[in-house]
Amino acid sequence: MLAEFDLIRRYFMSSQEATTASNGVALGCGDDATLLVPQAGQQLVVSVDTSVVDVHFPRAAPAFAVGHRALAVALSDLAAMGATSRWCLMALTFDQRQFEDDAAAHAWFADYARGFHSLRQQHETTLAGGDVTAGELSIGVTVMGEIPPGEALTRSGAKADDLIAVTGALGGGAGGLALWKQGERDLTHPLLQRYLLPEPRLAAGIALRGLASAALDISDGLLADLTHLREASQVGALLDVDALPLADGLVHGLGQKAAQQAALSGGDDYELLVTLAADDVAEAQQRLARLGLNLTVIGRCRETLGVSTTDQRDVSGYAGWQHFNGETP
């Protein structure tokens, strides 16, 4: 039988850097709680995200991808705020019954930890604690970052005549899920990578400080998340659907109409949706270009509430992902 504390020591402490004050961790994994030391003059940014098997990722997804994805979707919330990531906590509920023996379970843990730690190290994020327990597979990740006072990007700053823009490309998450359901298992496929191995746009969020008037990450679908921004800012939106940057391979895999629908409402893209004054767009694009990332203008905020499109398309039925609606992705 797997032992809780043996699993923690083997997979989540042995791979962890030495706990030092330079990491801002005064007391890390192995105690009842962790002690963190934020940098002087910084605000603490905290978010939590839960990933549940067969809701947020397929049961048969590779363990490496499950670990990567669980952390990536949490870090994406820090990116949306323009924060620098510092620490994370991870609570893993693990179903041992799905494995034939302990060796198979340990192999899953090793791959899961490899995916989690690889992304964590990439973004210089210290695992400061967590929990492992038995039950239906789910992962709760709390991420903590820092930002100078007054520089956080929020959902409530958009104004009429601000331009609406997105980083990267859209629809890849939904396109990858569609391919997975069709039996595709090659993780080198760009759409499957977008779905199972999303990349949080932390560097982009930091680069957009002082330029973006409002921001959030696209997790539930462009239109659904735009609604959150509009309601917080009390603005409407005029979208140019033909301007949407579509993920590589999306039109080939789904066709033009379905590809645009995936970009509008598919979700799981984890790009940033931002608003900016027209005069700031060029500077924002230059900053992101230095990161190898595009920023595409897809519309404009307006005083009239609601969403319309330049081609008069009816988008009222593109609700995006919602929990508790009786459906699974």
C-alpha atoms as a PDB file:
ATOM      1  CA  MET A   1       0.000   0.000   0.000  1.00  0.00           C
ATOM      2  CA  LEU A   2       1.127   3.553  -0.692  1.00  0.00           C
ATOM      3  CA  ALA A   3       2.050   5.571   2.389  1.00  0.00           C
ATOM      4  CA  GLU A   4       1.086   9.256   2.499  1.00  0.00           C
ATOM      5  CA  PHE A   5       4.248  10.661   4.030  1.00  0.00           C
ATOM      6  CA  ASP A   6       6.527   8.437   1.964  1.00  0.00           C
ATOM      7  CA  LEU A   7       4.852   9.807  -1.179  1.00  0.00           C
ATOM      8  CA  ILE A   8       5.297  13.384   0.005  1.00  0.00           C
ATOM      9  CA  ARG A   9       8.956  12.883   0.848  1.00  0.00           C
ATOM     10  CA  ARG A  10       9.764  11.001  -2.349  1.00  0.00           C
ATOM     11  CA  TYR A  11       7.923  13.112  -4.917  1.00  0.00           C
ATOM     12  CA  PHE A  12       7.326  16.540  -3.432  1.00  0.00           C
ATOM     13  CA  MET A  13      10.201  17.164  -1.034  1.00  0.00           C
ATOM     14  CA  SER A  14      13.229  15.413  -2.539  1.00  0.00           C
ATOM     15  CA  SER A  15      12.837  17.418  -5.767  1.00  0.00           C
ATOM     16  CA  GLN A  16      12.404  20.689  -3.904  1.00  0.00           C
ATOM     17  CA  GLU A  17      15.231  23.190  -3.647  1.00  0.00           C
ATOM     18  CA  ALA A  18      16.810  23.710  -0.252  1.00  0.00           C
ATOM     19  CA  THR A  19      14.566  25.944   1.808  1.00  0.00           C
ATOM     20  CA  THR A  20      16.398  29.211   2.231  1.00  0.00           C
ATOM     21  CA  ALA A  21      15.493  32.735   3.194  1.00  0.00           C
ATOM     22  CA  SER A  22      16.435  33.818  -0.347  1.00  0.00           C
ATOM     23  CA  ASN A  23      13.387  31.905  -1.610  1.00  0.00           C
ATOM     24  CA  GLY A  24      11.214  33.794   0.835  1.00  0.00           C
ATOM     25  CA  VAL A  25      10.490  30.517   2.661  1.00  0.00           C
ATOM     26  CA  ALA A  26      11.388  30.584   6.340  1.00  0.00           C
ATOM     27  CA  LEU A  27       9.805  27.159   6.976  1.00  0.00           C
ATOM     28  CA  GLY A  28       8.701  24.922   4.132  1.00  0.00           C
ATOM     29  CA  CYS A  29       7.442  21.387   3.448  1.00  0.00           C
ATOM     30  CA  GLY A  30       7.355  18.965   6.353  1.00  0.00           C
ATOM     31  CA  ASP A  31       5.730  21.019   9.101  1.00  0.00           C
ATOM     32  CA  ASP A  32       2.096  21.765   9.950  1.00  0.00           C
ATOM     33  CA  ALA A  33       2.234  25.025   8.002  1.00  0.00           C
ATOM     34  CA  THR A  34       4.719  27.042   6.012  1.00  0.00           C
ATOM     35  CA  LEU A  35       6.259  30.409   6.890  1.00  0.00           C
ATOM     36  CA  LEU A  36       6.720  32.819   3.985  1.00  0.00           C
ATOM     37  CA  VAL A  37       8.535  36.144   3.829  1.00  0.00           C
ATOM     38  CA  PRO A  38       7.163  38.496   1.124  1.00  0.00           C
ATOM     39  CA  GLN A  39       9.502  41.137  -0.202  1.00  0.00           C
ATOM     40  CA  ALA A  40       9.220  44.539   1.442  1.00  0.00           C
ATOM     41  CA  GLY A  41       6.888  46.947  -0.314  1.00  0.00           C
ATOM     42  CA  GLN A  42       5.096  44.252  -2.348  1.00  0.00           C
ATOM     43  CA  GLN A  43       1.459  43.235  -2.280  1.00  0.00           C
ATOM     44  CA  LEU A  44       0.693  39.518  -1.965  1.00  0.00           C
ATOM     45  CA  VAL A  45      -1.398  38.010  -4.791  1.00  0.00           C
ATOM     46  CA  VAL A  46      -3.137  34.704  -3.956  1.00  0.00           C
ATOM     47  CA  SER A  47      -5.350  32.422  -6.052  1.00  0.00           C
ATOM     48  CA  VAL A  48      -6.574  28.829  -5.825  1.00  0.00           C
ATOM     49  CA  ASP A  49      -7.667  26.462  -8.585  1.00  0.00           C
ATOM     50  CA  THR A  50      -9.026  22.910  -8.550  1.00  0.00           C
ATOM     51  CA  SER A  51      -8.608  20.330 -11.314  1.00  0.00           C
ATOM     52  CA  VAL A  52     -10.925  17.288 -11.233  1.00  0.00           C
ATOM     53  CA  VAL A  53     -10.581  14.132 -13.310  1.00  0.00           C
ATOM     54  CA  ASP A  54     -13.071  13.852 -16.197  1.00  0.00           C
ATOM     55  CA  VAL A  55     -14.073  17.482 -15.662  1.00  0.00           C
ATOM     56  CA  HIS A  56     -10.872  19.431 -16.273  1.00  0.00           C
ATOM     57  CA  PHE A  57      -8.726  16.671 -17.770  1.00  0.00           C
ATOM     58  CA  PRO A  58      -9.384  13.133 -19.093  1.00  0.00           C
ATOM     59  CA  ARG A  59      -8.839  10.167 -16.810  1.00  0.00           C
ATOM     60  CA  ALA A  60      -6.441   8.676 -19.357  1.00  0.00           C
ATOM     61  CA  ALA A  61      -4.348  11.849 -19.691  1.00  0.00           C
ATOM     62  CA  PRO A  62      -0.611  11.274 -19.184  1.00  0.00           C
ATOM     63  CA  ALA A  63       0.410  11.908 -15.583  1.00  0.00           C
ATOM     64  CA  PHE A  64       3.074  14.399 -16.710  1.00  0.00           C
ATOM     65  CA  ALA A  65       0.376  16.480 -18.395  1.00  0.00           C
ATOM     66  CA  VAL A  66      -1.910  16.266 -15.349  1.00  0.00           C
ATOM     67  CA  GLY A  67       0.834  17.653 -13.113  1.00  0.00           C
ATOM     68  CA  HIS A  68       1.804  20.388 -15.569  1.00  0.00           C
ATOM     69  CA  ARG A  69      -1.789  21.388 -16.245  1.00  0.00           C
ATOM     70  CA  ALA A  70      -2.826  21.554 -12.589  1.00  0.00           C
ATOM     71  CA  LEU A  71      -0.129  24.128 -11.868  1.00  0.00           C
ATOM     72  CA  ALA A  72      -0.425  25.963 -15.194  1.00  0.00           C
ATOM     73  CA  VAL A  73      -4.107  26.826 -14.816  1.00  0.00           C
ATOM     74  CA  ALA A  74      -3.464  28.198 -11.328  1.00  0.00           C
ATOM     75  CA  LEU A  75      -0.450  30.242 -12.423  1.00  0.00           C
ATOM     76  CA  SER A  76      -2.585  31.687 -15.222  1.00  0.00           C
ATOM     77  CA  ASP A  77      -4.575  33.601 -12.601  1.00  0.00           C
ATOM     78  CA  LEU A  78      -1.378  35.274 -11.390  1.00  0.00           C
ATOM     79  CA  ALA A  79      -0.551  36.117 -15.003  1.00  0.00           C
ATOM     80  CA  ALA A  80      -3.914  37.822 -15.394  1.00  0.00           C
ATOM     81  CA  MET A  81      -3.080  40.072 -12.446  1.00  0.00           C
ATOM     82  CA  GLY A  82       0.394  40.929 -13.757  1.00  0.00           C
ATOM     83  CA  ALA A  83       1.990  39.256 -10.741  1.00  0.00           C
ATOM     84  CA  THR A  84       5.358  37.569 -10.320  1.00  0.00           C
ATOM     85  CA  SER A  85       4.932  34.000  -9.070  1.00  0.00           C
ATOM     86  CA  ARG A  86       6.733  33.078  -5.809  1.00  0.00           C
ATOM     87  CA  TRP A  87       5.153  30.101  -4.043  1.00  0.00           C
ATOM     88  CA  CYS A  88       2.539  27.385  -4.392  1.00  0.00           C
ATOM     89  CA  LEU A  89       0.712  24.841  -2.237  1.00  0.00           C
ATOM     90  CA  MET A  90      -0.558  21.584  -3.742  1.00  0.00           C
ATOM     91  CA  ALA A  91      -3.299  19.292  -2.370  1.00  0.00           C
ATOM     92  CA  LEU A  92      -3.522  16.013  -4.304  1.00  0.00           C
ATOM     93  CA  THR A  93      -6.384  13.573  -3.850  1.00  0.00           C
ATOM     94  CA  PHE A  94      -5.285  10.299  -5.418  1.00  0.00           C
ATOM     95  CA  ASP A  95      -7.304   7.195  -6.368  1.00  0.00           C
ATOM     96  CA  GLN A  96      -5.016   4.210  -5.853  1.00  0.00           C
ATOM     97  CA  ARG A  97      -7.770   1.807  -6.956  1.00  0.00           C
ATOM     98  CA  GLN A  98      -7.264   2.658 -10.645  1.00  0.00           C
ATOM     99  CA  PHE A  99      -3.820   0.988 -10.648  1.00  0.00           C
ATOM    100  CA  GLU A 100      -2.990  -2.698 -10.800  1.00  0.00           C
ATOM    101  CA  ASP A 101      -0.267  -2.509  -8.158  1.00  0.00           C
ATOM    102  CA  ASP A 102       1.918  -0.150  -6.163  1.00  0.00           C
ATOM    103  CA  ALA A 103       4.584  -0.084  -8.892  1.00  0.00           C
ATOM    104  CA  ALA A 104       2.097   1.316 -11.413  1.00  0.00           C
ATOM    105  CA  ALA A 105       0.895   3.882  -8.883  1.00  0.00           C
ATOM    106  CA  HIS A 106       4.462   4.980  -8.128  1.00  0.00           C
ATOM    107  CA  ALA A 107       5.144   5.338 -11.849  1.00  0.00           C
ATOM    108  CA  TRP A 108       2.121   7.650 -12.139  1.00  0.00           C
ATOM    109  CA  PHE A 109       3.310   9.716  -9.166  1.00  0.00           C
ATOM    110  CA  ALA A 110       6.803  10.033 -10.626  1.00  0.00           C
ATOM    111  CA  ASP A 111       5.473  11.338 -13.963  1.00  0.00           C
ATOM    112  CA  TYR A 112       2.950  13.621 -12.269  1.00  0.00           C
ATOM    113  CA  ALA A 113       5.655  15.126 -10.061  1.00  0.00           C
ATOM    114  CA  ARG A 114       7.947  15.561 -13.069  1.00  0.00           C
ATOM    115  CA  GLY A 115       5.302  17.589 -14.895  1.00  0.00           C
ATOM    116  CA  PHE A 116       4.456  19.675 -11.831  1.00  0.00           C
ATOM    117  CA  HIS A 117       8.072  20.372 -10.841  1.00  0.00           C
ATOM    118  CA  SER A 118       9.207  21.132 -14.390  1.00  0.00           C
ATOM    119  CA  LEU A 119       6.715  23.973 -14.774  1.00  0.00           C
ATOM    120  CA  ARG A 120       7.254  25.134 -11.199  1.00  0.00           C
ATOM    121  CA  GLN A 121      10.987  25.466 -11.746  1.00  0.00           C
ATOM    122  CA  GLN A 122      10.467  27.192 -15.093  1.00  0.00           C
ATOM    123  CA  HIS A 123       8.561  29.958 -13.314  1.00  0.00           C
ATOM    124  CA  GLU A 124      10.790  30.013 -10.205  1.00  0.00           C
ATOM    125  CA  THR A 125       7.891  29.010  -7.972  1.00  0.00           C
ATOM    126  CA  THR A 126       8.696  27.274  -4.689  1.00  0.00           C
ATOM    127  CA  LEU A 127       6.456  24.430  -3.505  1.00  0.00           C
ATOM    128  CA  ALA A 128       5.977  25.495   0.108  1.00  0.00           C
ATOM    129  CA  GLY A 129       3.583  22.791   1.330  1.00  0.00           C
ATOM    130  CA  GLY A 130       0.448  20.809   0.635  1.00  0.00           C
ATOM    131  CA  ASP A 131      -1.347  17.551   1.287  1.00  0.00           C
ATOM    132  CA  VAL A 132      -1.833  14.089  -0.229  1.00  0.00           C
ATOM    133  CA  THR A 133      -4.965  12.074   0.501  1.00  0.00           C
ATOM    134  CA  ALA A 134      -7.005   9.183  -0.922  1.00  0.00           C
ATOM    135  CA  GLY A 135     -10.129   9.603  -3.039  1.00  0.00           C
ATOM    136  CA  GLU A 136     -11.310  10.500  -6.553  1.00  0.00           C
ATOM    137  CA  LEU A 137      -8.438  12.121  -8.426  1.00  0.00           C
ATOM    138  CA  SER A 138      -8.376  15.897  -8.023  1.00  0.00           C
ATOM    139  CA  ILE A 139      -5.707  18.525  -7.484  1.00  0.00           C
ATOM    140  CA  GLY A 140      -6.057  21.818  -5.655  1.00  0.00           C
ATOM    141  CA  VAL A 141      -3.253  24.301  -6.256  1.00  0.00           C
ATOM    142  CA  THR A 142      -2.872  27.589  -4.384  1.00  0.00           C
ATOM    143  CA  VAL A 143      -0.453  30.021  -5.992  1.00  0.00           C
ATOM    144  CA  MET A 144       1.031  33.109  -4.382  1.00  0.00           C
ATOM    145  CA  GLY A 145       2.850  35.952  -6.048  1.00  0.00           C
ATOM    146  CA  GLU A 146       3.866  39.546  -5.565  1.00  0.00           C
ATOM    147  CA  ILE A 147       3.216  42.837  -7.286  1.00  0.00           C
ATOM    148  CA  PRO A 148       4.101  46.464  -6.533  1.00  0.00           C
ATOM    149  CA  PRO A 149       1.190  48.380  -4.953  1.00  0.00           C
ATOM    150  CA  GLY A 150      -1.107  49.960  -7.498  1.00  0.00           C
ATOM    151  CA  GLU A 151       0.164  47.908 -10.457  1.00  0.00           C
ATOM    152  CA  ALA A 152      -2.198  44.914 -10.326  1.00  0.00           C
ATOM    153  CA  LEU A 153      -4.262  44.287 -13.450  1.00  0.00           C
ATOM    154  CA  THR A 154      -7.946  43.857 -12.605  1.00  0.00           C
ATOM    155  CA  ARG A 155     -11.190  43.249 -14.448  1.00  0.00           C
ATOM    156  CA  SER A 156     -12.737  46.587 -13.573  1.00  0.00           C
ATOM    157  CA  GLY A 157     -10.621  49.208 -15.365  1.00  0.00           C
ATOM    158  CA  ALA A 158     -11.907  49.033 -18.952  1.00  0.00           C
ATOM    159  CA  LYS A 159     -13.427  52.202 -20.415  1.00  0.00           C
ATOM    160  CA  ALA A 160     -15.505  52.962 -23.496  1.00  0.00           C
ATOM    161  CA  ASP A 161     -13.287  53.222 -26.611  1.00  0.00           C
ATOM    162  CA  ASP A 162     -10.562  51.034 -25.105  1.00  0.00           C
ATOM    163  CA  LEU A 163      -9.464  48.377 -27.572  1.00  0.00           C
ATOM    164  CA  ILE A 164      -9.940  44.685 -26.729  1.00  0.00           C
ATOM    165  CA  ALA A 165      -6.990  42.382 -27.424  1.00  0.00           C
ATOM    166  CA  VAL A 166      -5.796  38.846 -26.748  1.00  0.00           C
ATOM    167  CA  THR A 167      -2.362  37.283 -26.435  1.00  0.00           C
ATOM    168  CA  GLY A 168      -1.329  34.331 -28.551  1.00  0.00           C
ATOM    169  CA  ALA A 169      -4.024  32.339 -30.334  1.00  0.00           C
ATOM    170  CA  LEU A 170      -7.462  31.028 -29.391  1.00  0.00           C
ATOM    171  CA  GLY A 171      -9.425  27.809 -29.778  1.00  0.00           C
ATOM    172  CA  GLY A 172      -6.500  25.453 -29.215  1.00  0.00           C
ATOM    173  CA  GLY A 173      -7.825  24.098 -25.946  1.00  0.00           C
ATOM    174  CA  ALA A 174     -11.182  23.174 -27.439  1.00  0.00           C
ATOM    175  CA  GLY A 175      -9.523  21.863 -30.589  1.00  0.00           C
ATOM    176  CA  GLY A 176      -7.234  19.651 -28.536  1.00  0.00           C
ATOM    177  CA  LEU A 177     -10.140  18.279 -26.521  1.00  0.00           C
ATOM    178  CA  ALA A 178     -11.988  17.470 -29.741  1.00  0.00           C
ATOM    179  CA  LEU A 179      -8.948  15.605 -31.050  1.00  0.00           C
ATOM    180  CA  TRP A 180      -8.584  13.707 -27.768  1.00  0.00           C
ATOM    181  CA  LYS A 181     -12.195  12.561 -28.024  1.00  0.00           C
ATOM    182  CA  GLN A 182     -11.451  11.370 -31.561  1.00  0.00           C
ATOM    183  CA  GLY A 183      -8.622   9.189 -30.249  1.00  0.00           C
ATOM    184  CA  GLU A 184      -5.574  11.389 -30.893  1.00  0.00           C
ATOM    185  CA  ARG A 185      -2.844  10.682 -28.312  1.00  0.00           C
ATOM    186  CA  ASP A 186       0.260  12.254 -29.879  1.00  0.00           C
ATOM    187  CA  LEU A 187       1.297  14.969 -27.404  1.00  0.00           C
ATOM    188  CA  THR A 188       3.444  16.624 -30.062  1.00  0.00           C
ATOM    189  CA  HIS A 189       0.268  17.659 -31.903  1.00  0.00           C
ATOM    190  CA  PRO A 190      -0.011  21.449 -31.401  1.00  0.00           C
ATOM    191  CA  LEU A 191      -3.702  21.356 -30.491  1.00  0.00           C
ATOM    192  CA  LEU A 192      -3.259  18.535 -27.994  1.00  0.00           C
ATOM    193  CA  GLN A 193      -0.396  20.493 -26.441  1.00  0.00           C
ATOM    194  CA  ARG A 194      -2.608  23.550 -26.118  1.00  0.00           C
ATOM    195  CA  TYR A 195      -5.218  21.466 -24.279  1.00  0.00           C
ATOM    196  CA  LEU A 196      -3.069  19.273 -22.033  1.00  0.00           C
ATOM    197  CA  LEU A 197       0.072  21.423 -21.642  1.00  0.00           C
ATOM    198  CA  PRO A 198      -1.101  25.057 -21.537  1.00  0.00           C
ATOM    199  CA  GLU A 199       1.450  27.781 -20.879  1.00  0.00           C
ATOM    200  CA  PRO A 200       0.584  30.459 -18.291  1.00  0.00           C
ATOM    201  CA  ARG A 201       1.359  33.936 -19.673  1.00  0.00           C
ATOM    202  CA  LEU A 202       3.188  35.237 -16.600  1.00  0.00           C
ATOM    203  CA  ALA A 203       5.814  37.208 -18.498  1.00  0.00           C
ATOM    204  CA  ALA A 204       3.104  38.773 -20.662  1.00  0.00           C
ATOM    205  CA  GLY A 205       1.096  39.868 -17.637  1.00  0.00           C
ATOM    206  CA  ILE A 206       4.155  41.574 -16.153  1.00  0.00           C
ATOM    207  CA  ALA A 207       4.936  43.234 -19.501  1.00  0.00           C
ATOM    208  CA  LEU A 208       1.400  44.651 -19.691  1.00  0.00           C
ATOM    209  CA  ARG A 209       1.616  46.419 -16.333  1.00  0.00           C
ATOM    210  CA  GLY A 210       0.956  50.124 -16.757  1.00  0.00           C
ATOM    211  CA  LEU A 211      -0.604  49.609 -20.196  1.00  0.00           C
ATOM    212  CA  ALA A 212      -3.597  47.299 -19.845  1.00  0.00           C
ATOM    213  CA  SER A 213      -6.646  48.994 -18.338  1.00  0.00           C
ATOM    214  CA  ALA A 214      -8.255  45.627 -17.497  1.00  0.00           C
ATOM    215  CA  ALA A 215      -7.300  41.969 -17.847  1.00  0.00           C
ATOM    216  CA  LEU A 216      -8.207  38.375 -17.085  1.00  0.00           C
ATOM    217  CA  ASP A 217      -7.222  34.969 -18.387  1.00  0.00           C
ATOM    218  CA  ILE A 218      -9.333  33.034 -20.877  1.00  0.00           C
ATOM    219  CA  SER A 219     -10.295  29.803 -19.147  1.00  0.00           C
ATOM    220  CA  ASP A 220     -14.047  29.461 -19.715  1.00  0.00           C
ATOM    221  CA  GLY A 221     -14.100  30.828 -23.276  1.00  0.00           C
ATOM    222  CA  LEU A 222     -13.561  34.264 -24.793  1.00  0.00           C
ATOM    223  CA  LEU A 223     -17.190  35.399 -24.643  1.00  0.00           C
ATOM    224  CA  ALA A 224     -17.766  34.052 -21.132  1.00  0.00           C
ATOM    225  CA  ASP A 225     -14.640  35.687 -19.772  1.00  0.00           C
ATOM    226  CA  LEU A 226     -15.298  38.905 -21.687  1.00  0.00           C
ATOM    227  CA  THR A 227     -18.646  38.982 -19.867  1.00  0.00           C
ATOM    228  CA  HIS A 228     -16.812  38.942 -16.526  1.00  0.00           C
ATOM    229  CA  LEU A 229     -14.660  41.868 -17.645  1.00  0.00           C
ATOM    230  CA  ARG A 230     -17.600  43.813 -19.068  1.00  0.00           C
ATOM    231  CA  GLU A 231     -19.694  43.391 -15.941  1.00  0.00           C
ATOM    232  CA  ALA A 232     -16.832  44.427 -13.678  1.00  0.00           C
ATOM    233  CA  SER A 233     -16.057  47.474 -15.843  1.00  0.00           C
ATOM    234  CA  GLN A 234     -19.658  48.265 -16.835  1.00  0.00           C
ATOM    235  CA  VAL A 235     -18.905  48.499 -20.549  1.00  0.00           C
ATOM    236  CA  GLY A 236     -20.153  46.816 -23.691  1.00  0.00           C
ATOM    237  CA  ALA A 237     -18.102  45.268 -26.480  1.00  0.00           C
ATOM    238  CA  LEU A 238     -18.027  45.235 -30.272  1.00  0.00           C
ATOM    239  CA  LEU A 239     -16.078  42.203 -31.554  1.00  0.00           C
ATOM    240  CA  ASP A 240     -14.565  41.494 -34.958  1.00  0.00           C
ATOM    241  CA  VAL A 241     -14.881  37.708 -35.138  1.00  0.00           C
ATOM    242  CA  ASP A 242     -12.791  37.518 -38.309  1.00  0.00           C
ATOM    243  CA  ALA A 243      -9.897  39.140 -36.421  1.00  0.00           C
ATOM    244  CA  LEU A 244      -9.685  36.318 -33.857  1.00  0.00           C
ATOM    245  CA  PRO A 245      -6.219  34.705 -33.948  1.00  0.00           C
ATOM    246  CA  LEU A 246      -6.858  30.989 -34.362  1.00  0.00           C
ATOM    247  CA  ALA A 247      -4.528  28.294 -33.022  1.00  0.00           C
ATOM    248  CA  ASP A 248      -2.317  26.462 -35.507  1.00  0.00           C
ATOM    249  CA  GLY A 249      -4.148  23.539 -37.077  1.00  0.00           C
ATOM    250  CA  LEU A 250      -7.564  24.581 -35.753  1.00  0.00           C
ATOM    251  CA  VAL A 251      -9.192  25.415 -39.099  1.00  0.00           C
ATOM    252  CA  HIS A 252      -7.697  22.298 -40.670  1.00  0.00           C
ATOM    253  CA  GLY A 253      -9.029  20.143 -37.852  1.00  0.00           C
ATOM    254  CA  LEU A 254     -12.464  21.679 -37.342  1.00  0.00           C
ATOM    255  CA  GLY A 255     -13.268  23.862 -40.352  1.00  0.00           C
ATOM    256  CA  GLN A 256     -13.552  27.674 -40.341  1.00  0.00           C
ATOM    257  CA  LYS A 257     -16.955  28.010 -38.651  1.00  0.00           C
ATOM    258  CA  ALA A 258     -16.273  25.471 -35.890  1.00  0.00           C
ATOM    259  CA  ALA A 259     -12.794  26.935 -35.381  1.00  0.00           C
ATOM    260  CA  GLN A 260     -14.249  30.398 -34.771  1.00  0.00           C
ATOM    261  CA  GLN A 261     -16.818  28.918 -32.396  1.00  0.00           C
ATOM    262  CA  ALA A 262     -14.024  27.161 -30.500  1.00  0.00           C
ATOM    263  CA  ALA A 263     -12.195  30.481 -30.219  1.00  0.00           C
ATOM    264  CA  LEU A 264     -15.329  32.254 -28.995  1.00  0.00           C
ATOM    265  CA  SER A 265     -16.579  29.748 -26.459  1.00  0.00           C
ATOM    266  CA  GLY A 266     -14.326  26.679 -26.256  1.00  0.00           C
ATOM    267  CA  GLY A 267     -12.280  27.681 -23.225  1.00  0.00           C
ATOM    268  CA  ASP A 268      -9.044  26.187 -21.859  1.00  0.00           C
ATOM    269  CA  ASP A 269      -6.898  28.647 -23.833  1.00  0.00           C
ATOM    270  CA  TYR A 270      -5.249  30.408 -20.840  1.00  0.00           C
ATOM    271  CA  GLU A 271      -4.331  33.390 -22.975  1.00  0.00           C
ATOM    272  CA  LEU A 272      -4.789  36.901 -21.589  1.00  0.00           C
ATOM    273  CA  LEU A 273      -7.779  39.031 -22.551  1.00  0.00           C
ATOM    274  CA  VAL A 274      -6.927  42.709 -22.062  1.00  0.00           C
ATOM    275  CA  THR A 275      -8.245  46.171 -22.790  1.00  0.00           C
ATOM    276  CA  LEU A 276      -5.977  49.098 -23.618  1.00  0.00           C
ATOM    277  CA  ALA A 277      -6.199  52.687 -24.751  1.00  0.00           C
ATOM    278  CA  ALA A 278      -5.610  52.881 -28.506  1.00  0.00           C
ATOM    279  CA  ASP A 279      -2.421  54.894 -27.968  1.00  0.00           C
ATOM    280  CA  ASP A 280      -0.928  52.076 -25.844  1.00  0.00           C
ATOM    281  CA  VAL A 281      -1.492  49.174 -28.222  1.00  0.00           C
ATOM    282  CA  ALA A 282       1.713  49.586 -30.233  1.00  0.00           C
ATOM    283  CA  GLU A 283       3.865  49.708 -27.090  1.00  0.00           C
ATOM    284  CA  ALA A 284       2.092  46.643 -25.680  1.00  0.00           C
ATOM    285  CA  GLN A 285       2.645  44.738 -28.925  1.00  0.00           C
ATOM    286  CA  GLN A 286       6.331  45.638 -28.909  1.00  0.00           C
ATOM    287  CA  ARG A 287       6.764  44.466 -25.329  1.00  0.00           C
ATOM    288  CA  LEU A 288       5.106  41.129 -26.074  1.00  0.00           C
ATOM    289  CA  ALA A 289       6.992  40.714 -29.343  1.00  0.00           C
ATOM    290  CA  ARG A 290      10.190  40.687 -27.278  1.00  0.00           C
ATOM    291  CA  LEU A 291       8.695  37.657 -25.516  1.00  0.00           C
ATOM    292  CA  GLY A 292       7.885  35.961 -28.830  1.00  0.00           C
ATOM    293  CA  LEU A 293       4.165  36.527 -28.321  1.00  0.00           C
ATOM    294  CA  ASN A 294       1.533  38.277 -30.439  1.00  0.00           C
ATOM    295  CA  LEU A 295      -1.080  40.708 -29.155  1.00  0.00           C
ATOM    296  CA  THR A 296      -4.094  40.900 -31.489  1.00  0.00           C
ATOM    297  CA  VAL A 297      -6.808  43.578 -31.361  1.00  0.00           C
ATOM    298  CA  ILE A 298     -10.205  41.885 -31.713  1.00  0.00           C
ATOM    299  CA  GLY A 299     -12.655  44.633 -30.808  1.00  0.00           C
ATOM    300  CA  ARG A 300     -13.505  47.772 -28.912  1.00  0.00           C
ATOM    301  CA  CYS A 301     -15.262  48.628 -25.658  1.00  0.00           C
ATOM    302  CA  ARG A 302     -18.313  50.860 -25.859  1.00  0.00           C
ATOM    303  CA  GLU A 303     -20.802  52.495 -23.561  1.00  0.00           C
ATOM    304  CA  THR A 304     -23.780  50.384 -24.709  1.00  0.00           C
ATOM    305  CA  LEU A 305     -23.825  47.247 -22.560  1.00  0.00           C
ATOM    306  CA  GLY A 306     -23.849  43.791 -24.108  1.00  0.00           C
ATOM    307  CA  VAL A 307     -21.842  42.225 -26.938  1.00  0.00           C
ATOM    308  CA  SER A 308     -22.304  42.666 -30.669  1.00  0.00           C
ATOM    309  CA  THR A 309     -20.130  41.781 -33.652  1.00  0.00           C
ATOM    310  CA  THR A 310     -19.041  43.780 -36.667  1.00  0.00           C
ATOM    311  CA  ASP A 311     -20.767  41.246 -38.972  1.00  0.00           C
ATOM    312  CA  GLN A 312     -24.017  41.237 -36.950  1.00  0.00           C
ATOM    313  CA  ARG A 313     -23.460  37.606 -35.946  1.00  0.00           C
ATOM    314  CA  ASP A 314     -25.666  36.220 -33.181  1.00  0.00           C
ATOM    315  CA  VAL A 315     -23.347  35.096 -30.387  1.00  0.00           C
ATOM    316  CA  SER A 316     -25.977  34.903 -27.652  1.00  0.00           C
ATOM    317  CA  GLY A 317     -25.817  31.097 -27.530  1.00  0.00           C
ATOM    318  CA  TYR A 318     -22.042  30.908 -27.045  1.00  0.00           C
ATOM    319  CA  ALA A 319     -22.101  30.590 -23.286  1.00  0.00           C
ATOM    320  CA  GLY A 320     -18.720  28.978 -22.667  1.00  0.00           C
ATOM    321  CA  TRP A 321     -17.971  26.521 -19.854  1.00  0.00           C
ATOM    322  CA  GLN A 322     -20.019  26.676 -16.663  1.00  0.00           C
ATOM    323  CA  HIS A 323     -19.938  24.297 -13.721  1.00  0.00           C
ATOM    324  CA  PHE A 324     -23.201  22.839 -12.375  1.00  0.00           C
ATOM    325  CA  ASN A 325     -24.977  23.018 -15.739  1.00  0.00           C
ATOM    326  CA  GLY A 326     -25.228  19.246 -16.043  1.00  0.00           C
ATOM    327  CA  GLU A 327     -22.539  18.918 -18.707  1.00  0.00           C
ATOM    328  CA  THR A 328     -18.941  17.774 -18.725  1.00  0.00           C
ATOM    329  CA  PRO A 329     -16.329  19.041 -21.201  1.00  0.00           C
END
